Amino acid sequence: MKADSIYGNSPEFISAVEDMPHVTYLVSMPADTLCWVRNPVLLQKQYRYKGELRSEQVLKTPDQKPIPFETIAKNTNNYFWYRRKVSEGTKGPIEYEFTKKRVVLSKNGLPEKEVWLLIRRTLGNEPTYSYFVCNASVSCRLNLLVWLSGTRWAIERCFEEAKTEIGMDHYEVRKFPGWVHHMMTCMLAHFFLWRIKLRSGKKAPAITLSQLRILIRVVLPVRSFDCDGLISLVAWIQEKNHRAYLSHRKKKPRLNIS
């Protein structure tokens, strides 16, 4: 399961995913997320509060403070960075450099859980970093984490192409079922275009979805209307709009004045 930092910072979301058996998550996290490279040593400290004896866990030494992800990324030697191709883009392959490290996340200054930290940086002299945490097992390989980090790119490309070519962002609905119907229809249309593109294979390797849409618009027959058919269509549209107006019209509350 791949998600952005909004879900990565949500304890409820992480807890719900961890309760699912055989589910691995990889979520984005901000650069200032605190962690330890090694599990810190804890002590049980006792104290009295209003005459009652209580205990709490504290760090053994104060210098065992957690460090942010950004510090780990900038202090990692270039020898431990590996270049990997994430996916094929419109201008060629998309490549990044990756490194992974086993860390212990910090919560309220105390260790919470041990996870994989995957760090991705762009190529060049001034790279930008992205950070992901994953609950995979200790034996997890870097290639699997790299693949998980690139799955979201395909989803984002689907939404971008659907908005540009199919009109996914052109919806005028007032209820959630209508919005879901519009989204599913656009995704099916997007899948249909990609299916044609893949089946064309070597016959048209450079064809784009925009060109496919133009070809389909020319090839498919366009319905022609006579006078009676056009009047019937306009009447049906007016009746449909009037029903929607009546169903969504808000009634003003009546004031009882005695």
C-alpha atoms as a PDB file:
ATOM      1  CA  MET A   1       0.000   0.000   0.000  1.00  0.00           C
ATOM      2  CA  LYS A   2       1.432   3.341  -1.097  1.00  0.00           C
ATOM      3  CA  ALA A   3       0.356   6.666   0.412  1.00  0.00           C
ATOM      4  CA  ASP A   4       1.576  10.238   0.799  1.00  0.00           C
ATOM      5  CA  SER A   5       2.672  12.090   3.931  1.00  0.00           C
ATOM      6  CA  ILE A   6      -0.904  12.999   4.893  1.00  0.00           C
ATOM      7  CA  TYR A   7      -1.562   9.350   5.680  1.00  0.00           C
ATOM      8  CA  GLY A   8       1.981   8.776   6.928  1.00  0.00           C
ATOM      9  CA  ASN A   9       1.400  11.311   9.709  1.00  0.00           C
ATOM     10  CA  SER A  10      -1.960   9.778  10.611  1.00  0.00           C
ATOM     11  CA  PRO A  11      -1.637   7.323  13.530  1.00  0.00           C
ATOM     12  CA  GLU A  12      -5.177   6.075  12.879  1.00  0.00           C
ATOM     13  CA  PHE A  13      -4.354   5.166   9.275  1.00  0.00           C
ATOM     14  CA  ILE A  14      -1.088   3.420  10.164  1.00  0.00           C
ATOM     15  CA  SER A  15      -2.756   1.496  12.993  1.00  0.00           C
ATOM     16  CA  ALA A  16      -5.602   0.373  10.719  1.00  0.00           C
ATOM     17  CA  VAL A  17      -3.176  -0.851   8.026  1.00  0.00           C
ATOM     18  CA  GLU A  18      -0.988  -2.679  10.543  1.00  0.00           C
ATOM     19  CA  ASP A  19      -4.045  -4.559  11.780  1.00  0.00           C
ATOM     20  CA  MET A  20      -4.555  -6.006   8.288  1.00  0.00           C
ATOM     21  CA  PRO A  21      -2.725  -9.323   7.857  1.00  0.00           C
ATOM     22  CA  HIS A  22      -0.185  -9.656   5.046  1.00  0.00           C
ATOM     23  CA  VAL A  23      -0.386  -5.954   4.122  1.00  0.00           C
ATOM     24  CA  THR A  24       2.788  -3.907   3.622  1.00  0.00           C
ATOM     25  CA  TYR A  25       2.624  -0.130   3.573  1.00  0.00           C
ATOM     26  CA  LEU A  26       5.099   2.431   2.286  1.00  0.00           C
ATOM     27  CA  VAL A  27       4.165   6.005   3.191  1.00  0.00           C
ATOM     28  CA  SER A  28       5.852   9.341   2.610  1.00  0.00           C
ATOM     29  CA  MET A  29       7.146  11.212   5.642  1.00  0.00           C
ATOM     30  CA  PRO A  30       8.429  14.774   6.151  1.00  0.00           C
ATOM     31  CA  ALA A  31      12.137  15.503   6.439  1.00  0.00           C
ATOM     32  CA  ASP A  32      11.892  16.552  10.097  1.00  0.00           C
ATOM     33  CA  THR A  33      10.567  13.171  11.277  1.00  0.00           C
ATOM     34  CA  LEU A  34      12.693  12.040  14.243  1.00  0.00           C
ATOM     35  CA  CYS A  35      14.220   8.588  14.633  1.00  0.00           C
ATOM     36  CA  TRP A  36      17.167   6.608  15.988  1.00  0.00           C
ATOM     37  CA  VAL A  37      19.566   4.575  13.899  1.00  0.00           C
ATOM     38  CA  ARG A  38      19.995   2.217  16.884  1.00  0.00           C
ATOM     39  CA  ASN A  39      17.414   1.375  19.488  1.00  0.00           C
ATOM     40  CA  PRO A  40      18.103   3.611  22.523  1.00  0.00           C
ATOM     41  CA  VAL A  41      18.451   2.237  26.033  1.00  0.00           C
ATOM     42  CA  LEU A  42      15.532   3.020  28.344  1.00  0.00           C
ATOM     43  CA  LEU A  43      15.298   3.176  32.116  1.00  0.00           C
ATOM     44  CA  GLN A  44      12.306   2.916  34.396  1.00  0.00           C
ATOM     45  CA  LYS A  45      12.170   6.088  36.489  1.00  0.00           C
ATOM     46  CA  GLN A  46      10.013   6.281  39.596  1.00  0.00           C
ATOM     47  CA  TYR A  47       8.596   9.471  41.061  1.00  0.00           C
ATOM     48  CA  ARG A  48       5.869  10.618  43.384  1.00  0.00           C
ATOM     49  CA  TYR A  49       2.885  12.662  42.310  1.00  0.00           C
ATOM     50  CA  LYS A  50       0.435  13.832  44.990  1.00  0.00           C
ATOM     51  CA  GLY A  51       1.712  11.156  47.325  1.00  0.00           C
ATOM     52  CA  GLU A  52       1.269   8.388  44.758  1.00  0.00           C
ATOM     53  CA  LEU A  53       4.244   6.393  43.479  1.00  0.00           C
ATOM     54  CA  ARG A  54       4.404   6.377  39.689  1.00  0.00           C
ATOM     55  CA  SER A  55       6.899   5.255  37.053  1.00  0.00           C
ATOM     56  CA  GLU A  56       7.792   6.250  33.503  1.00  0.00           C
ATOM     57  CA  GLN A  57      10.293   5.289  30.853  1.00  0.00           C
ATOM     58  CA  VAL A  58      13.126   7.720  30.115  1.00  0.00           C
ATOM     59  CA  LEU A  59      16.278   7.644  28.018  1.00  0.00           C
ATOM     60  CA  LYS A  60      19.341   6.311  29.836  1.00  0.00           C
ATOM     61  CA  THR A  61      21.489   9.258  28.744  1.00  0.00           C
ATOM     62  CA  PRO A  62      20.242  12.684  27.614  1.00  0.00           C
ATOM     63  CA  ASP A  63      22.580  12.657  24.588  1.00  0.00           C
ATOM     64  CA  GLN A  64      20.532   9.835  23.024  1.00  0.00           C
ATOM     65  CA  LYS A  65      18.324  12.359  21.260  1.00  0.00           C
ATOM     66  CA  PRO A  66      16.605  11.339  18.009  1.00  0.00           C
ATOM     67  CA  ILE A  67      17.755  12.855  14.726  1.00  0.00           C
ATOM     68  CA  PRO A  68      15.638  13.908  11.708  1.00  0.00           C
ATOM     69  CA  PHE A  69      15.536  12.001   8.428  1.00  0.00           C
ATOM     70  CA  GLU A  70      17.226  14.928   6.704  1.00  0.00           C
ATOM     71  CA  THR A  71      20.348  14.534   8.843  1.00  0.00           C
ATOM     72  CA  ILE A  72      20.616  10.836   7.992  1.00  0.00           C
ATOM     73  CA  ALA A  73      20.252  11.540   4.270  1.00  0.00           C
ATOM     74  CA  LYS A  74      22.917  14.252   4.131  1.00  0.00           C
ATOM     75  CA  ASN A  75      25.383  12.255   6.245  1.00  0.00           C
ATOM     76  CA  THR A  76      25.107   9.080   4.145  1.00  0.00           C
ATOM     77  CA  ASN A  77      28.197   8.449   2.047  1.00  0.00           C
ATOM     78  CA  ASN A  78      27.812   8.331  -1.747  1.00  0.00           C
ATOM     79  CA  TYR A  79      29.003   4.724  -1.676  1.00  0.00           C
ATOM     80  CA  PHE A  80      25.685   3.638  -0.135  1.00  0.00           C
ATOM     81  CA  TRP A  81      23.506   5.296  -2.778  1.00  0.00           C
ATOM     82  CA  TYR A  82      22.233   3.121  -5.635  1.00  0.00           C
ATOM     83  CA  ARG A  83      20.814   4.398  -8.912  1.00  0.00           C
ATOM     84  CA  ARG A  84      17.572   2.733  -9.959  1.00  0.00           C
ATOM     85  CA  LYS A  85      15.056   3.296 -12.756  1.00  0.00           C
ATOM     86  CA  VAL A  86      11.558   3.936 -11.422  1.00  0.00           C
ATOM     87  CA  SER A  87       9.576   4.012 -14.653  1.00  0.00           C
ATOM     88  CA  GLU A  88       9.517   5.132 -18.270  1.00  0.00           C
ATOM     89  CA  GLY A  89       8.571   8.761 -18.777  1.00  0.00           C
ATOM     90  CA  THR A  90       7.603  10.724 -21.862  1.00  0.00           C
ATOM     91  CA  LYS A  91      11.162  12.097 -22.096  1.00  0.00           C
ATOM     92  CA  GLY A  92      12.949   8.839 -21.258  1.00  0.00           C
ATOM     93  CA  PRO A  93      13.529   6.691 -18.180  1.00  0.00           C
ATOM     94  CA  ILE A  94      12.980   8.273 -14.745  1.00  0.00           C
ATOM     95  CA  GLU A  95      15.928   7.500 -12.455  1.00  0.00           C
ATOM     96  CA  TYR A  96      16.749   8.317  -8.839  1.00  0.00           C
ATOM     97  CA  GLU A  97      19.306   7.305  -6.264  1.00  0.00           C
ATOM     98  CA  PHE A  98      18.095   5.268  -3.286  1.00  0.00           C
ATOM     99  CA  THR A  99      19.361   4.072   0.052  1.00  0.00           C
ATOM    100  CA  LYS A 100      17.649   2.206   2.870  1.00  0.00           C
ATOM    101  CA  LYS A 101      18.297   2.024   6.577  1.00  0.00           C
ATOM    102  CA  ARG A 102      16.677   0.310   9.529  1.00  0.00           C
ATOM    103  CA  VAL A 103      15.547   2.971  12.025  1.00  0.00           C
ATOM    104  CA  VAL A 104      13.434   3.316  15.163  1.00  0.00           C
ATOM    105  CA  LEU A 105      10.765   6.001  14.962  1.00  0.00           C
ATOM    106  CA  SER A 106      10.380   8.472  17.799  1.00  0.00           C
ATOM    107  CA  LYS A 107       7.078   9.317  19.473  1.00  0.00           C
ATOM    108  CA  ASN A 108       6.978  11.847  22.299  1.00  0.00           C
ATOM    109  CA  GLY A 109      10.742  11.476  22.728  1.00  0.00           C
ATOM    110  CA  LEU A 110      10.585   7.675  23.167  1.00  0.00           C
ATOM    111  CA  PRO A 111      11.083   4.816  20.683  1.00  0.00           C
ATOM    112  CA  GLU A 112       7.869   3.674  19.018  1.00  0.00           C
ATOM    113  CA  LYS A 113       8.614   0.965  16.414  1.00  0.00           C
ATOM    114  CA  GLU A 114      11.317  -0.243  14.050  1.00  0.00           C
ATOM    115  CA  VAL A 115      10.741   0.296  10.325  1.00  0.00           C
ATOM    116  CA  TRP A 116      12.615   0.618   7.063  1.00  0.00           C
ATOM    117  CA  LEU A 117      13.577   4.136   6.032  1.00  0.00           C
ATOM    118  CA  LEU A 118      13.832   4.537   2.265  1.00  0.00           C
ATOM    119  CA  ILE A 119      15.510   7.744   1.088  1.00  0.00           C
ATOM    120  CA  ARG A 120      15.249   8.877  -2.528  1.00  0.00           C
ATOM    121  CA  ARG A 121      17.216  11.729  -4.042  1.00  0.00           C
ATOM    122  CA  THR A 122      17.346  13.283  -7.477  1.00  0.00           C
ATOM    123  CA  LEU A 123      20.444  13.233  -9.644  1.00  0.00           C
ATOM    124  CA  GLY A 124      22.699  16.265  -9.840  1.00  0.00           C
ATOM    125  CA  ASN A 125      24.858  18.470  -7.663  1.00  0.00           C
ATOM    126  CA  GLU A 126      21.938  19.821  -5.605  1.00  0.00           C
ATOM    127  CA  PRO A 127      19.615  16.842  -5.066  1.00  0.00           C
ATOM    128  CA  THR A 128      16.220  16.953  -3.439  1.00  0.00           C
ATOM    129  CA  TYR A 129      15.292  14.215  -1.002  1.00  0.00           C
ATOM    130  CA  SER A 130      12.115  12.235  -0.366  1.00  0.00           C
ATOM    131  CA  TYR A 131      11.544   9.977   2.614  1.00  0.00           C
ATOM    132  CA  PHE A 132       9.418   6.852   3.034  1.00  0.00           C
ATOM    133  CA  VAL A 133       8.876   4.405   5.887  1.00  0.00           C
ATOM    134  CA  CYS A 134       7.848   0.793   5.376  1.00  0.00           C
ATOM    135  CA  ASN A 135       6.774  -1.987   7.728  1.00  0.00           C
ATOM    136  CA  ALA A 136       8.336  -4.740   5.596  1.00  0.00           C
ATOM    137  CA  SER A 137      10.358  -7.506   7.207  1.00  0.00           C
ATOM    138  CA  VAL A 138      14.055  -7.197   7.985  1.00  0.00           C
ATOM    139  CA  SER A 139      14.925  -9.365   4.959  1.00  0.00           C
ATOM    140  CA  CYS A 140      13.245  -6.928   2.542  1.00  0.00           C
ATOM    141  CA  ARG A 141      15.476  -6.003  -0.423  1.00  0.00           C
ATOM    142  CA  LEU A 142      16.066  -2.540  -1.818  1.00  0.00           C
ATOM    143  CA  ASN A 143      14.508  -3.398  -5.193  1.00  0.00           C
ATOM    144  CA  LEU A 144      11.142  -4.084  -3.578  1.00  0.00           C
ATOM    145  CA  LEU A 145      11.133  -0.753  -1.753  1.00  0.00           C
ATOM    146  CA  VAL A 146      12.137   1.045  -4.967  1.00  0.00           C
ATOM    147  CA  TRP A 147       9.284  -0.626  -6.829  1.00  0.00           C
ATOM    148  CA  LEU A 148       6.801   0.360  -4.117  1.00  0.00           C
ATOM    149  CA  SER A 149       7.981   3.974  -4.240  1.00  0.00           C
ATOM    150  CA  GLY A 150       7.304   4.120  -7.989  1.00  0.00           C
ATOM    151  CA  THR A 151       3.788   2.665  -8.004  1.00  0.00           C
ATOM    152  CA  ARG A 152       2.227   6.010  -7.166  1.00  0.00           C
ATOM    153  CA  TRP A 153       3.693   7.547 -10.338  1.00  0.00           C
ATOM    154  CA  ALA A 154       1.433   5.369 -12.495  1.00  0.00           C
ATOM    155  CA  ILE A 155      -1.642   6.449 -10.512  1.00  0.00           C
ATOM    156  CA  GLU A 156      -0.745  10.127 -10.781  1.00  0.00           C
ATOM    157  CA  ARG A 157      -0.171   9.719 -14.535  1.00  0.00           C
ATOM    158  CA  CYS A 158      -3.592   8.092 -14.872  1.00  0.00           C
ATOM    159  CA  PHE A 159      -5.286  11.072 -13.182  1.00  0.00           C
ATOM    160  CA  GLU A 160      -3.276  13.624 -15.171  1.00  0.00           C
ATOM    161  CA  GLU A 161      -4.026  12.020 -18.548  1.00  0.00           C
ATOM    162  CA  ALA A 162      -7.680  11.484 -17.636  1.00  0.00           C
ATOM    163  CA  LYS A 163      -8.046  15.160 -16.724  1.00  0.00           C
ATOM    164  CA  THR A 164      -6.351  16.302 -19.933  1.00  0.00           C
ATOM    165  CA  GLU A 165      -7.793  13.918 -22.515  1.00  0.00           C
ATOM    166  CA  ILE A 166     -11.065  12.617 -21.085  1.00  0.00           C
ATOM    167  CA  GLY A 167     -12.360  15.429 -18.876  1.00  0.00           C
ATOM    168  CA  MET A 168     -12.130  13.847 -15.452  1.00  0.00           C
ATOM    169  CA  ASP A 169     -12.032  17.297 -13.819  1.00  0.00           C
ATOM    170  CA  HIS A 170     -15.132  18.492 -15.734  1.00  0.00           C
ATOM    171  CA  TYR A 171     -17.854  17.174 -13.478  1.00  0.00           C
ATOM    172  CA  GLU A 172     -20.974  18.961 -12.290  1.00  0.00           C
ATOM    173  CA  VAL A 173     -22.545  16.693  -9.695  1.00  0.00           C
ATOM    174  CA  ARG A 174     -24.082  17.361  -6.313  1.00  0.00           C
ATOM    175  CA  LYS A 175     -23.950  13.929  -4.706  1.00  0.00           C
ATOM    176  CA  PHE A 176     -21.208  11.439  -4.040  1.00  0.00           C
ATOM    177  CA  PRO A 177     -22.668   8.574  -6.183  1.00  0.00           C
ATOM    178  CA  GLY A 178     -22.696  10.868  -9.208  1.00  0.00           C
ATOM    179  CA  TRP A 179     -19.059  11.802  -8.605  1.00  0.00           C
ATOM    180  CA  VAL A 180     -18.084   8.124  -8.299  1.00  0.00           C
ATOM    181  CA  HIS A 181     -19.938   7.329 -11.534  1.00  0.00           C
ATOM    182  CA  HIS A 182     -18.087  10.093 -13.362  1.00  0.00           C
ATOM    183  CA  MET A 183     -14.685   9.008 -12.015  1.00  0.00           C
ATOM    184  CA  MET A 184     -15.239   5.340 -12.900  1.00  0.00           C
ATOM    185  CA  THR A 185     -16.424   6.215 -16.404  1.00  0.00           C
ATOM    186  CA  CYS A 186     -13.320   8.341 -17.012  1.00  0.00           C
ATOM    187  CA  MET A 187     -10.999   5.616 -15.694  1.00  0.00           C
ATOM    188  CA  LEU A 188     -12.640   3.019 -17.937  1.00  0.00           C
ATOM    189  CA  ALA A 189     -12.253   5.355 -20.921  1.00  0.00           C
ATOM    190  CA  HIS A 190      -8.596   5.884 -19.994  1.00  0.00           C
ATOM    191  CA  PHE A 191      -8.092   2.120 -19.758  1.00  0.00           C
ATOM    192  CA  PHE A 192      -9.745   1.701 -23.178  1.00  0.00           C
ATOM    193  CA  LEU A 193      -7.330   4.162 -24.792  1.00  0.00           C
ATOM    194  CA  TRP A 194      -4.307   2.498 -23.189  1.00  0.00           C
ATOM    195  CA  ARG A 195      -5.588  -0.906 -24.305  1.00  0.00           C
ATOM    196  CA  ILE A 196      -5.683   0.273 -27.910  1.00  0.00           C
ATOM    197  CA  LYS A 197      -2.217   1.823 -27.546  1.00  0.00           C
ATOM    198  CA  LEU A 198      -0.743  -1.427 -26.201  1.00  0.00           C
ATOM    199  CA  ARG A 199      -2.420  -3.548 -28.881  1.00  0.00           C
ATOM    200  CA  SER A 200      -1.010  -1.330 -31.632  1.00  0.00           C
ATOM    201  CA  GLY A 201       2.474  -2.386 -30.486  1.00  0.00           C
ATOM    202  CA  LYS A 202       5.184  -1.885 -33.076  1.00  0.00           C
ATOM    203  CA  LYS A 203       2.727  -0.605 -35.680  1.00  0.00           C
ATOM    204  CA  ALA A 204       2.437   2.726 -33.838  1.00  0.00           C
ATOM    205  CA  PRO A 205       4.997   2.815 -31.015  1.00  0.00           C
ATOM    206  CA  ALA A 206       4.978   6.616 -30.658  1.00  0.00           C
ATOM    207  CA  ILE A 207       1.239   7.218 -30.773  1.00  0.00           C
ATOM    208  CA  THR A 208      -0.175   9.233 -27.881  1.00  0.00           C
ATOM    209  CA  LEU A 209      -3.524   9.123 -26.135  1.00  0.00           C
ATOM    210  CA  SER A 210      -4.470  12.475 -27.647  1.00  0.00           C
ATOM    211  CA  GLN A 211      -3.867  11.125 -31.156  1.00  0.00           C
ATOM    212  CA  LEU A 212      -5.861   7.983 -30.358  1.00  0.00           C
ATOM    213  CA  ARG A 213      -8.762  10.085 -29.134  1.00  0.00           C
ATOM    214  CA  ILE A 214      -8.757  12.075 -32.400  1.00  0.00           C
ATOM    215  CA  LEU A 215      -8.707   8.879 -34.483  1.00  0.00           C
ATOM    216  CA  ILE A 216     -11.575   7.348 -32.524  1.00  0.00           C
ATOM    217  CA  ARG A 217     -13.618  10.525 -32.878  1.00  0.00           C
ATOM    218  CA  VAL A 218     -13.221  10.344 -36.677  1.00  0.00           C
ATOM    219  CA  VAL A 219     -13.782   6.593 -37.028  1.00  0.00           C
ATOM    220  CA  LEU A 220     -16.832   6.211 -34.777  1.00  0.00           C
ATOM    221  CA  PRO A 221     -20.117   7.207 -36.447  1.00  0.00           C
ATOM    222  CA  VAL A 222     -21.686  10.433 -35.268  1.00  0.00           C
ATOM    223  CA  ARG A 223     -25.415  10.340 -34.630  1.00  0.00           C
ATOM    224  CA  SER A 224     -27.410  12.603 -36.895  1.00  0.00           C
ATOM    225  CA  PHE A 225     -30.719  14.133 -35.812  1.00  0.00           C
ATOM    226  CA  ASP A 226     -33.746  15.093 -37.780  1.00  0.00           C
ATOM    227  CA  CYS A 227     -36.093  17.825 -36.598  1.00  0.00           C
ATOM    228  CA  ASP A 228     -38.357  15.561 -34.517  1.00  0.00           C
ATOM    229  CA  GLY A 229     -35.414  13.696 -32.958  1.00  0.00           C
ATOM    230  CA  LEU A 230     -33.687  16.923 -31.993  1.00  0.00           C
ATOM    231  CA  ILE A 231     -36.846  18.300 -30.373  1.00  0.00           C
ATOM    232  CA  SER A 232     -37.285  15.057 -28.417  1.00  0.00           C
ATOM    233  CA  LEU A 233     -33.677  15.228 -27.216  1.00  0.00           C
ATOM    234  CA  VAL A 234     -34.041  18.824 -26.022  1.00  0.00           C
ATOM    235  CA  ALA A 235     -37.300  17.975 -24.252  1.00  0.00           C
ATOM    236  CA  TRP A 236     -35.643  15.025 -22.489  1.00  0.00           C
ATOM    237  CA  ILE A 237     -32.751  17.239 -21.328  1.00  0.00           C
ATOM    238  CA  GLN A 238     -35.163  19.895 -20.042  1.00  0.00           C
ATOM    239  CA  GLU A 239     -37.215  17.318 -18.149  1.00  0.00           C
ATOM    240  CA  LYS A 240     -34.050  15.836 -16.607  1.00  0.00           C
ATOM    241  CA  ASN A 241     -32.779  19.270 -15.528  1.00  0.00           C
ATOM    242  CA  HIS A 242     -36.160  20.191 -14.063  1.00  0.00           C
ATOM    243  CA  ARG A 243     -36.233  16.984 -11.997  1.00  0.00           C
ATOM    244  CA  ALA A 244     -32.754  17.739 -10.677  1.00  0.00           C
ATOM    245  CA  TYR A 245     -33.878  21.278  -9.808  1.00  0.00           C
ATOM    246  CA  LEU A 246     -36.874  20.016  -7.871  1.00  0.00           C
ATOM    247  CA  SER A 247     -34.858  17.397  -5.982  1.00  0.00           C
ATOM    248  CA  HIS A 248     -32.140  19.839  -4.908  1.00  0.00           C
ATOM    249  CA  ARG A 249     -34.248  22.898  -4.205  1.00  0.00           C
ATOM    250  CA  LYS A 250     -33.943  24.015  -0.627  1.00  0.00           C
ATOM    251  CA  LYS A 251     -37.162  24.890   1.157  1.00  0.00           C
ATOM    252  CA  LYS A 252     -37.100  27.969   3.315  1.00  0.00           C
ATOM    253  CA  PRO A 253     -38.131  27.351   6.932  1.00  0.00           C
ATOM    254  CA  ARG A 254     -41.469  28.810   7.896  1.00  0.00           C
ATOM    255  CA  LEU A 255     -41.654  31.171  10.846  1.00  0.00           C
ATOM    256  CA  ASN A 256     -44.549  30.598  13.212  1.00  0.00           C
ATOM    257  CA  ILE A 257     -45.546  34.006  14.523  1.00  0.00           C
ATOM    258  CA  SER A 258     -48.212  33.895  17.164  1.00  0.00           C
END
